[in-house]
Protein backbone atom coordinates (compact mmCIF):
# COMPACT_ATOMS: atom_id res chain seq x y z
CA MET A 1 -13.50 101.24 13.38
CA PHE A 2 -15.90 104.03 12.30
CA CYS A 3 -17.32 107.02 14.19
CA PRO A 4 -20.97 106.38 15.04
CA ASN A 5 -21.74 110.14 14.60
CA CYS A 6 -20.07 111.18 11.35
CA GLY A 7 -19.00 107.83 9.91
CA THR A 8 -15.32 108.74 9.64
CA GLU A 9 -13.00 105.70 9.53
CA ILE A 10 -10.73 105.68 12.52
CA LYS A 11 -7.66 103.47 11.90
CA GLU A 12 -6.08 103.93 15.32
CA LYS A 13 -7.63 103.24 18.64
CA LYS A 14 -9.19 106.55 19.88
CA THR A 15 -11.56 107.62 22.60
CA PHE A 16 -12.97 110.58 20.59
CA CYS A 17 -13.51 111.01 16.84
CA PRO A 18 -10.67 113.21 15.48
CA LYS A 19 -13.08 114.83 12.93
CA CYS A 20 -16.28 115.63 14.86
CA GLY A 21 -15.03 115.13 18.43
CA SER A 22 -17.84 112.75 19.32
CA PRO A 23 -16.97 110.17 22.01
CA LEU A 24 -16.53 106.69 20.59
CA GLY A 25 -17.65 104.81 23.75
CA VAL A 26 -16.57 101.56 25.44
CA GLU A 27 -18.92 99.34 23.35
CA ALA A 28 -17.18 100.26 20.09
CA VAL A 29 -13.76 99.48 21.53
CA GLN A 30 -14.97 96.13 22.94
CA GLU A 31 -16.62 95.19 19.64
CA ASP A 32 -13.40 95.93 17.79
CA THR A 33 -11.47 93.72 20.23
CA LYS A 34 -13.91 90.82 19.70
CA THR A 35 -13.54 91.18 15.94
CA VAL A 36 -9.74 90.93 16.18
CA GLU A 37 -9.95 87.93 18.51
CA ALA A 38 -12.40 86.19 16.20
CA ALA A 39 -10.21 86.81 13.17
CA ALA A 40 -7.21 85.54 15.04
CA SER A 41 -9.15 82.38 15.99
CA ILE A 42 -10.19 81.72 12.41
CA GLU A 43 -6.66 82.24 11.23
CA ASN A 44 -5.40 79.77 13.73
CA VAL A 45 -7.90 77.20 12.44
CA HIS A 46 -6.87 77.89 8.85
CA GLU A 47 -3.24 77.69 9.88
CA ASN A 48 -3.83 74.12 11.11
CA VAL A 49 -5.41 73.07 7.83
CA ILE A 50 -3.45 75.06 5.23
CA PRO A 51 0.00 76.04 6.56
CA PRO A 52 1.95 78.90 5.05
CA GLN A 53 3.89 77.98 1.92
CA GLY A 54 7.43 76.76 2.67
CA ALA A 55 6.75 76.09 6.35
CA PRO A 56 7.77 72.65 7.73
CA VAL A 57 4.90 70.19 8.21
CA PRO A 58 6.23 67.43 10.57
CA SER A 59 2.90 65.82 11.38
CA LYS A 60 1.65 65.63 7.81
CA LYS A 61 4.99 64.54 6.36
CA GLY A 62 5.44 61.91 9.04
CA GLY A 63 2.01 60.41 8.32
CA LYS A 64 2.79 60.14 4.63
CA LYS A 65 6.09 58.41 5.37
CA LYS A 66 4.36 55.85 7.57
CA PHE A 67 1.78 55.23 4.88
CA ILE A 68 4.48 54.59 2.26
CA ILE A 69 6.40 52.20 4.54
CA GLY A 70 3.19 50.38 5.50
CA GLY A 71 2.29 50.03 1.84
CA ILE A 72 5.69 48.56 1.03
CA VAL A 73 5.37 46.03 3.88
CA ALA A 74 1.90 45.03 2.70
CA VAL A 75 3.14 44.51 -0.85
CA VAL A 76 6.07 42.42 0.39
CA LEU A 77 3.76 40.23 2.48
CA ILE A 78 1.45 39.72 -0.47
CA LEU A 79 4.39 38.75 -2.69
CA ILE A 80 5.63 36.26 -0.08
CA ALA A 81 2.18 34.70 0.19
CA VAL A 82 1.97 34.40 -3.59
CA MET A 83 5.46 32.86 -3.77
CA ILE A 84 4.59 30.31 -1.07
CA GLY A 85 1.34 29.42 -2.80
CA THR A 86 2.93 28.98 -6.21
CA SER A 87 5.93 27.01 -4.95
CA GLY A 88 3.98 24.23 -3.23
CA GLY A 89 3.82 26.08 0.03
CA ASP A 90 1.08 23.82 1.43
CA THR A 91 3.57 22.50 3.96
CA GLY A 92 0.94 20.46 5.80
CA THR A 93 0.09 18.42 2.71
CA THR A 94 3.72 17.97 1.70
CA SER A 95 4.70 16.91 5.22
CA THR A 96 1.79 14.49 5.44
CA ASP A 97 2.70 12.90 2.10
CA THR A 98 6.25 12.45 3.33
CA TYR A 99 5.08 10.71 6.50
CA ILE A 100 2.76 8.46 4.50
CA GLU A 101 5.61 7.43 2.21
CA THR A 102 7.86 6.82 5.22
CA VAL A 103 5.36 4.34 6.65
CA GLN A 104 4.44 2.72 3.33
CA ASN A 105 8.06 2.09 2.35
CA GLY A 106 9.28 1.40 5.88
CA TYR A 107 9.50 -1.91 7.74
CA LEU A 108 7.77 -3.28 10.81
CA GLY A 109 10.19 -4.54 13.44
CA GLU A 110 13.02 -6.58 11.93
CA PHE A 111 11.02 -7.71 8.89
CA THR A 112 13.16 -5.76 6.41
CA ASP A 113 12.37 -8.01 3.43
CA MET A 114 8.81 -6.72 3.13
CA THR A 115 7.60 -3.11 3.32
CA VAL A 116 4.63 -2.16 5.47
CA GLN A 117 2.53 -1.62 2.36
CA GLU A 118 3.53 -5.01 0.93
CA LEU A 119 2.97 -6.86 4.19
CA LEU A 120 -0.50 -5.49 4.87
CA GLY A 121 -1.47 -5.47 1.20
CA SER A 122 -0.61 -9.15 0.75
CA TYR A 123 -3.44 -10.01 3.11
CA TYR A 124 -6.05 -7.27 2.90
CA GLU A 125 -5.68 -6.46 -0.80
CA ASP A 126 -4.40 -9.67 -2.40
CA LEU A 127 -6.21 -12.25 -0.26
CA LEU A 128 -9.34 -10.41 0.89
CA ASP A 129 -9.59 -8.19 -2.20
CA CYS A 130 -10.03 -5.00 -0.16
CA THR A 131 -9.44 -1.49 -1.46
CA ALA A 132 -6.71 0.49 0.32
CA GLU A 133 -6.82 4.20 1.08
CA TRP A 134 -3.90 5.97 2.78
CA ASP A 135 -4.26 9.29 4.59
CA GLY A 136 -2.63 11.29 7.35
CA GLY A 137 -2.60 14.46 9.42
CA GLU A 138 -2.29 15.79 12.95
CA ASN A 139 -4.40 14.70 15.89
CA ASP A 140 -5.65 17.01 18.65
CA ASP A 141 -2.29 16.70 20.44
CA GLY A 142 -0.36 17.84 17.38
CA GLN A 143 1.04 14.37 16.67
CA GLN A 144 1.44 13.16 13.11
CA ILE A 145 -0.81 10.18 12.31
CA VAL A 146 -0.69 8.00 9.19
CA GLU A 147 -3.77 5.88 8.49
CA VAL A 148 -4.59 3.12 6.04
CA LYS A 149 -8.14 1.90 5.59
CA TYR A 150 -9.00 -1.35 3.81
CA THR A 151 -12.61 -1.46 2.68
CA ASP A 152 -14.77 -4.29 1.40
CA GLU A 153 -18.52 -4.79 1.64
CA THR A 154 -18.18 -8.50 2.42
CA VAL A 155 -15.41 -8.66 5.05
CA GLY A 156 -15.95 -5.15 6.44
CA ASP A 157 -13.60 -2.20 6.91
CA THR A 158 -10.23 -2.40 8.63
CA THR A 159 -8.44 0.71 9.91
CA ILE A 160 -4.78 0.76 10.97
CA GLN A 161 -3.11 3.89 12.33
CA PHE A 162 0.57 4.66 12.80
CA LYS A 163 1.82 7.39 15.14
CA MET A 164 5.04 9.08 14.06
CA LEU A 165 7.46 9.14 17.00
CA ASP A 166 10.02 11.15 15.04
CA GLU A 167 10.87 11.70 11.38
CA GLN A 168 11.75 8.01 10.83
CA VAL A 169 10.27 5.88 13.60
CA PHE A 170 6.59 5.06 13.98
CA LYS A 171 4.34 2.86 16.09
CA ILE A 172 1.04 1.13 15.40
CA SER A 173 -1.34 3.13 17.57
CA ALA A 174 -4.68 1.69 16.44
CA PHE A 175 -5.83 -1.54 14.81
CA VAL A 176 -9.52 -2.15 14.13
CA ASP A 177 -10.44 -5.25 12.15
CA PRO A 178 -14.05 -6.48 12.44
CA ASN A 179 -12.82 -10.06 12.13
CA VAL A 180 -10.05 -9.82 14.74
CA THR A 181 -10.52 -9.58 18.51
CA ILE A 182 -7.88 -7.56 20.35
CA GLU A 183 -8.29 -8.01 24.10
CA LYS A 184 -4.87 -8.91 25.51
CA ALA A 185 -1.52 -7.20 25.05
CA SER A 186 -0.25 -10.13 23.01
CA ASP A 187 -3.24 -10.27 20.62
CA LEU A 188 -2.09 -7.49 18.30
CA PRO A 189 1.55 -8.63 17.91
CA ALA A 190 0.30 -12.18 17.35
CA GLU A 191 -2.01 -10.98 14.57
CA LEU A 192 0.67 -8.85 12.89
CA ASN A 193 3.29 -11.60 13.10
CA SER A 194 0.84 -14.07 11.62
CA LEU A 195 0.29 -11.74 8.66
CA TYR A 196 4.03 -11.66 8.05
CA PHE A 197 4.34 -15.42 8.51
CA MET A 198 1.52 -16.02 6.04
CA ALA A 199 2.89 -13.54 3.50
CA TYR A 200 6.45 -14.85 3.73
CA THR A 201 5.60 -18.54 3.49
CA THR A 202 3.31 -17.87 0.54
CA LYS A 203 5.86 -15.72 -1.27
CA HIS A 204 8.74 -18.14 -0.65
CA GLU A 205 6.85 -21.40 -0.83
CA THR A 206 9.20 -22.96 -3.38
CA GLU A 207 12.19 -22.03 -1.23
CA LEU A 208 10.69 -23.59 1.90
CA ASP A 209 10.23 -26.98 0.30
CA SER A 210 11.72 -29.04 3.12
CA ALA A 211 11.51 -29.31 6.88
CA GLU A 212 15.15 -28.33 7.15
CA LYS A 213 14.67 -25.08 5.22
CA MET A 214 11.50 -24.31 7.11
CA LYS A 215 13.30 -24.85 10.39
CA VAL A 216 15.96 -22.31 9.41
CA PHE A 217 13.20 -19.75 8.86
CA ILE A 218 11.51 -20.62 12.16
CA ASP A 219 14.84 -20.32 13.98
CA GLN A 220 15.27 -16.83 12.55
CA LEU A 221 11.86 -15.85 13.90
CA ASP A 222 12.86 -17.31 17.25
CA GLN A 223 15.55 -14.60 17.54
CA ILE A 224 13.03 -11.77 17.23
CA SER A 225 10.82 -10.44 20.03
CA GLY A 226 7.14 -11.02 19.43
CA SER A 227 6.39 -7.34 20.09
CA ALA A 228 9.01 -5.91 17.72
CA VAL A 229 6.39 -5.78 14.98
CA LEU A 230 4.48 -3.07 16.86
CA TYR A 231 7.17 -0.54 15.91
CA GLY A 232 8.54 0.39 12.52
CA ALA A 233 11.11 2.64 10.89
CA ALA A 234 11.91 4.17 7.53
CA ALA A 235 13.72 2.11 4.92
CA ASN A 236 16.90 4.16 5.37
CA TYR A 237 16.88 3.92 9.17
CA THR A 238 20.38 3.03 10.40
CA GLY A 239 19.63 2.30 14.06
CA ASP A 240 18.96 -1.03 15.75
CA ARG A 241 15.48 -2.08 14.67
CA ALA A 242 15.35 -4.70 17.41
CA GLN A 243 15.48 -1.92 20.01
CA LEU A 244 12.90 0.48 18.61
CA CYS A 245 10.50 -0.01 21.51
CA THR A 246 13.21 0.60 24.13
CA LEU A 247 13.97 3.99 22.57
CA PHE A 248 10.61 5.15 23.87
CA GLY A 249 10.63 3.51 27.27
CA GLU A 250 8.80 0.27 26.51
CA ASP A 251 10.02 -3.25 27.20
CA ALA A 252 10.13 -5.87 24.47
CA LEU A 253 7.97 -8.97 24.85
CA GLU A 254 10.16 -11.83 26.06
CA THR A 255 8.28 -14.37 23.94
CA SER A 256 9.77 -14.73 20.46
CA VAL A 257 7.83 -14.50 17.21
CA SER A 258 7.89 -18.25 16.63
CA TRP A 259 6.67 -19.16 20.10
CA LEU A 260 4.02 -16.44 19.98
CA LEU A 261 2.74 -17.94 16.73
CA ASP A 262 2.82 -21.36 18.37
CA ALA A 263 0.77 -20.10 21.33
CA TYR A 264 -1.90 -18.73 18.98
CA GLY A 265 -2.01 -21.88 16.86
CA TYR A 266 -0.37 -20.52 13.71
CA LEU A 267 2.35 -23.17 13.84
CA ASP A 268 3.50 -26.07 16.02
CA MET A 269 7.01 -25.54 17.37
CA ASN A 270 7.22 -29.19 18.40
CA ASP A 271 7.44 -30.13 14.73
CA TYR A 272 10.60 -28.10 14.30
CA ALA A 273 12.08 -28.92 17.69
CA GLN A 274 11.88 -32.63 16.83
CA GLN A 275 13.18 -32.00 13.29
CA ASP A 276 10.89 -34.73 12.01
CA THR A 277 12.01 -35.46 8.47
CA ALA A 278 8.55 -36.69 7.65
CA ASP A 279 7.46 -33.04 7.57
CA THR A 280 9.14 -32.84 4.18
CA THR A 281 6.31 -34.88 2.76
CA ALA A 282 3.77 -32.50 4.23
CA VAL A 283 4.95 -29.61 2.12
CA GLU A 284 5.88 -31.54 -1.01
CA PRO A 285 3.27 -32.66 -3.56
CA ALA A 286 2.79 -36.36 -4.15
CA SER A 287 4.81 -37.72 -7.05
CA THR A 288 1.61 -38.48 -8.94
CA ALA A 289 0.33 -34.91 -8.70
CA ASP A 290 0.50 -32.65 -11.71
CA ALA A 291 1.70 -29.04 -11.76
CA SER A 292 -1.74 -27.68 -10.87
CA SER A 293 -1.69 -29.73 -7.63
CA ALA A 294 1.69 -28.42 -6.49
CA ASP A 295 0.12 -26.68 -3.47
CA TYR A 296 -1.79 -29.76 -2.27
CA ILE A 297 -0.59 -32.65 -0.15
CA PHE A 298 -2.35 -35.15 -2.44
CA PRO A 299 -4.74 -34.93 -5.44
CA SER A 300 -7.44 -36.48 -3.26
CA ASP A 301 -10.31 -35.12 -5.34
CA ARG A 302 -9.50 -37.39 -8.30
CA GLN A 303 -7.02 -40.06 -7.19
CA TYR A 304 -7.51 -42.84 -4.66
CA ILE A 305 -4.92 -42.84 -1.89
CA THR A 306 -3.22 -45.96 -0.52
CA GLU A 307 -1.22 -46.79 2.59
CA ASP A 308 1.91 -46.74 0.46
CA ASP A 309 1.19 -43.09 -0.36
CA MET A 310 0.94 -42.36 3.38
CA ALA A 311 3.98 -44.39 4.42
CA GLY A 312 6.16 -41.33 5.06
CA TRP A 313 3.50 -39.22 6.72
CA ASN A 314 3.44 -38.16 10.34
CA GLN A 315 0.34 -37.45 12.40
CA LYS A 316 0.09 -33.82 11.36
CA THR A 317 0.43 -34.60 7.66
CA ALA A 318 -2.37 -37.16 7.86
CA LEU A 319 -4.57 -34.69 9.73
CA LEU A 320 -3.99 -31.96 7.14
CA ALA A 321 -4.43 -34.34 4.20
CA ARG A 322 -7.81 -35.51 5.48
CA ASN A 323 -8.99 -31.95 6.14
CA GLU A 324 -7.63 -30.81 2.79
CA ILE A 325 -10.43 -32.78 1.15
CA PHE A 326 -12.99 -30.56 2.86
CA ALA A 327 -10.90 -27.41 2.47
CA ARG A 328 -11.15 -27.75 -1.33
CA HIS A 329 -14.85 -27.00 -0.92
CA GLY A 330 -14.27 -24.02 1.38
CA TYR A 331 -14.99 -25.67 4.72
CA VAL A 332 -14.27 -23.28 7.64
CA PHE A 333 -12.47 -25.14 10.42
CA GLN A 334 -13.05 -24.48 14.10
CA THR A 335 -9.51 -25.49 15.02
CA GLN A 336 -7.46 -22.31 14.63
CA GLU A 337 -4.23 -24.03 13.61
CA ILE A 338 -5.92 -25.95 10.79
CA GLN A 339 -7.83 -22.87 9.62
CA ASN A 340 -4.62 -20.81 9.54
CA TYR A 341 -2.86 -23.49 7.52
CA PHE A 342 -5.46 -23.52 4.75
CA ALA A 343 -6.02 -19.75 4.88
CA ALA A 344 -2.43 -19.38 3.69
CA LYS A 345 -3.14 -21.45 0.57
CA SER A 346 -3.83 -19.52 -2.61
CA TRP A 347 -6.54 -21.97 -3.70
CA TYR A 348 -8.51 -21.85 -0.45
CA THR A 349 -11.75 -19.85 -0.53
CA PRO A 350 -13.68 -20.03 2.77
CA ASN A 351 -17.38 -20.82 2.50
CA SER A 352 -19.15 -20.59 5.85
CA SER A 353 -22.28 -22.25 4.47
CA TYR A 354 -20.49 -25.45 3.44
CA ASP A 355 -21.20 -28.24 5.94
CA GLY A 356 -18.86 -30.95 4.66
CA SER A 357 -21.37 -32.75 2.47
CA GLY A 358 -21.38 -33.21 -1.30
CA LEU A 359 -18.06 -35.05 -1.61
CA ASN A 360 -17.52 -37.13 -4.73
CA ASP A 361 -16.89 -40.88 -4.50
CA VAL A 362 -13.10 -40.52 -4.65
CA GLU A 363 -13.09 -37.93 -1.88
CA LYS A 364 -15.37 -40.02 0.35
CA ALA A 365 -13.16 -43.06 -0.10
CA ASN A 366 -10.02 -41.06 0.69
CA VAL A 367 -11.55 -39.67 3.89
CA ASP A 368 -12.26 -43.23 5.04
CA THR A 369 -8.79 -44.47 4.02
CA ILE A 370 -6.95 -41.68 5.82
CA SER A 371 -9.16 -42.03 8.92
CA ALA A 372 -8.49 -45.77 9.04
CA TYR A 373 -4.75 -45.12 8.73
CA GLU A 374 -4.90 -42.62 11.61
CA GLN A 375 -6.71 -45.20 13.74
CA LYS A 376 -4.12 -47.81 12.87
CA MET A 377 -1.24 -45.48 13.80
CA GLY A 378 -2.95 -44.42 17.04
CA TRP A 379 -3.46 -40.85 15.83
CA ALA A 380 -7.24 -40.71 16.13
CA GLU A 381 -8.42 -37.32 17.43
CA GLN A 382 -10.97 -38.83 19.81
CA ASP A 383 -8.12 -40.23 21.89
CA VAL A 384 -7.54 -36.73 23.30
CA SER A 385 -9.59 -36.26 26.47
CA PRO A 386 -11.36 -32.99 27.34
CA THR A 387 -9.11 -32.73 30.39
CA LYS A 388 -5.97 -32.83 28.25
CA LEU A 389 -7.46 -30.34 25.83
CA ALA A 390 -8.29 -27.95 28.69
CA GLN A 391 -4.77 -28.22 30.09
CA GLY A 392 -3.27 -27.60 26.67
CA ALA A 393 -5.44 -24.52 26.19
CA VAL A 394 -4.29 -23.05 29.51
CA SER A 395 -0.63 -23.76 28.73
CA SER A 396 -0.90 -22.00 25.38
CA TYR A 397 -2.72 -19.04 26.91
CA VAL A 398 -0.18 -18.59 29.72
CA GLU A 399 2.69 -18.75 27.22
CA SER A 400 0.99 -16.10 25.11
CA GLN A 401 1.14 -13.83 28.16
CA GLY A 402 4.90 -14.28 28.40
CA ASP A 403 4.87 -16.86 31.22
CA TYR A 404 4.75 -20.66 31.52
CA CYS A 405 2.96 -23.48 33.34
CA THR A 406 4.87 -25.84 35.62
CA GLY A 407 1.91 -28.12 36.30
CA PHE A 408 -1.76 -28.42 37.22
CA ASP A 409 -3.38 -28.89 40.63
CA TYR A 410 -6.74 -30.01 39.29
CA VAL A 411 -9.08 -30.00 36.32
CA GLU A 412 -12.80 -30.37 36.98
CA PRO A 413 -16.11 -29.70 35.21
CA TYR A 414 -17.34 -26.14 35.72
CA ALA A 415 -20.41 -25.87 33.50
CA GLU A 416 -21.70 -27.46 30.32
CA ASN A 417 -18.71 -27.86 27.96
CA GLU A 418 -16.59 -25.85 30.41
CA TYR A 419 -13.77 -26.89 32.73
CA LEU A 420 -12.07 -25.26 35.70
CA VAL A 421 -8.29 -25.61 35.46
CA CYS A 422 -5.99 -24.68 38.34
CA ALA A 423 -2.50 -24.12 36.95
CA LYS A 424 0.88 -23.48 38.58
CA ILE A 425 2.52 -20.47 36.96
CA GLY A 426 6.16 -19.45 36.70
CA GLU A 427 9.22 -20.01 38.84
CA TYR A 428 7.36 -19.61 42.13
CA GLU A 429 4.42 -21.75 40.96
CA TRP A 430 1.71 -19.32 41.99
CA GLU A 431 -1.75 -20.74 41.37
CA ALA A 432 -4.30 -19.37 38.93
CA GLU A 433 -7.75 -20.69 38.03
CA TYR A 434 -8.90 -20.58 34.41
CA ILE A 435 -12.21 -21.42 32.77
CA VAL A 436 -11.82 -23.35 29.52
CA GLU A 437 -14.51 -24.12 26.97
CA VAL A 438 -14.13 -27.46 25.18
CA ASN A 439 -15.97 -28.25 21.97
CA GLY A 440 -14.99 -31.48 20.26
CA SER A 441 -11.26 -31.31 19.64
CA ASP A 442 -11.15 -27.55 20.25
CA ALA A 443 -10.47 -25.86 23.57
CA TRP A 444 -9.82 -22.24 24.51
CA VAL A 445 -9.58 -20.10 27.64
CA ILE A 446 -12.63 -17.88 28.11
CA GLY A 447 -11.81 -16.39 31.51
CA ARG A 448 -10.28 -16.79 34.94
CA LEU A 449 -11.52 -16.83 38.52
CA ASP A 450 -10.22 -13.99 40.67
CA GLY A 451 -11.28 -14.55 44.27
CA GLY A 452 -14.18 -16.60 43.00
CA VAL A 453 -15.27 -13.85 40.58
CA PHE A 454 -15.30 -14.72 36.88
CA ARG A 455 -13.31 -12.32 34.72
CA PRO A 456 -13.34 -12.82 30.94
CA VAL A 457 -10.07 -12.74 29.01
């Protein structure tokens, strides 16, 4: 502080100047106080930014420590991410591939002699010449799904999906084939069992060269539930494959594989129940046939047939032999059982535009000879009345639903080419009315009457 009168510096707080005696005044003292307070304030600010040398700095040091630790954690996380990426860490892809392989190399139901890939491929790839594409992933519910898609411009695209129930067991959850109608609960197992039946009989044709051997195979199928094929398990599964469905709270279909195939026209169980030895002839080539005709009943396209050649035939053999002449040209049969029989032959190529004409002279003569022999033996198809055909269609349909017919109350015309059949069903013989369409020798159930209301099936 300085004296306002003489300018002498006054180091101590005074009221009067010690040199000239002039009063210093209150303003000078107050100004000096403000200057000290301001300096102290600035010092405090500087103290917060630049602390005295050697003084502890807890806030600053602590922030640096946190930064170092955070940096280390970030580096570790980056290293882990890199390690996962470089070591095949795409766990979703790896897991999906594993599930796909489990299904491909696994077995459906109790058919452990043919993998899923072999079974489906034998039909869609080998017979229909489709291209297969396997894929997989999770659905919206987090469930693992394996999918195979068979594509072909001519026959259309087929998609089959498998839902993984655990690491080893799976179930067919979707089946979309443009050429297959799935309406009833038994339709899908019937279709899948028919694929196995077709694949097995084709693969083991030389081993099933007699009715006796074929019956052994049919008896084996008769011990398996028709719905077992809906479930599958890995190749190394050690549990009971016959009980896969029960593990997840579902009941097995009481109808066996063989009787399910019978109900859908893929085979005739009566042939094996009767053990007709004449069936041997139906699967064996004629003695005059050469090696290239080994899969035919008779070389009817180039050799005239006689009654002696047909001496050991039964009704079914004669029927198939006559239709075999047309099947060589690709004729598509309306009778499901006959169509299924020829569809299993490696030489058969369906041609929907072929109308049965254009036979050579040998073939025409053989058709007449076989037809005459059928007439002589009382096997002519026209002997079957529409009423009998309608009843047979209802019986087959009811059996496919896991039940049976005990009789019929009445069969009467319903509409053009349609019949109303009232059947007695099951142990208590409850009545049910079915509408059956009859066309020539073919008949099939198209619906039922429920309180007088038509309901398609």
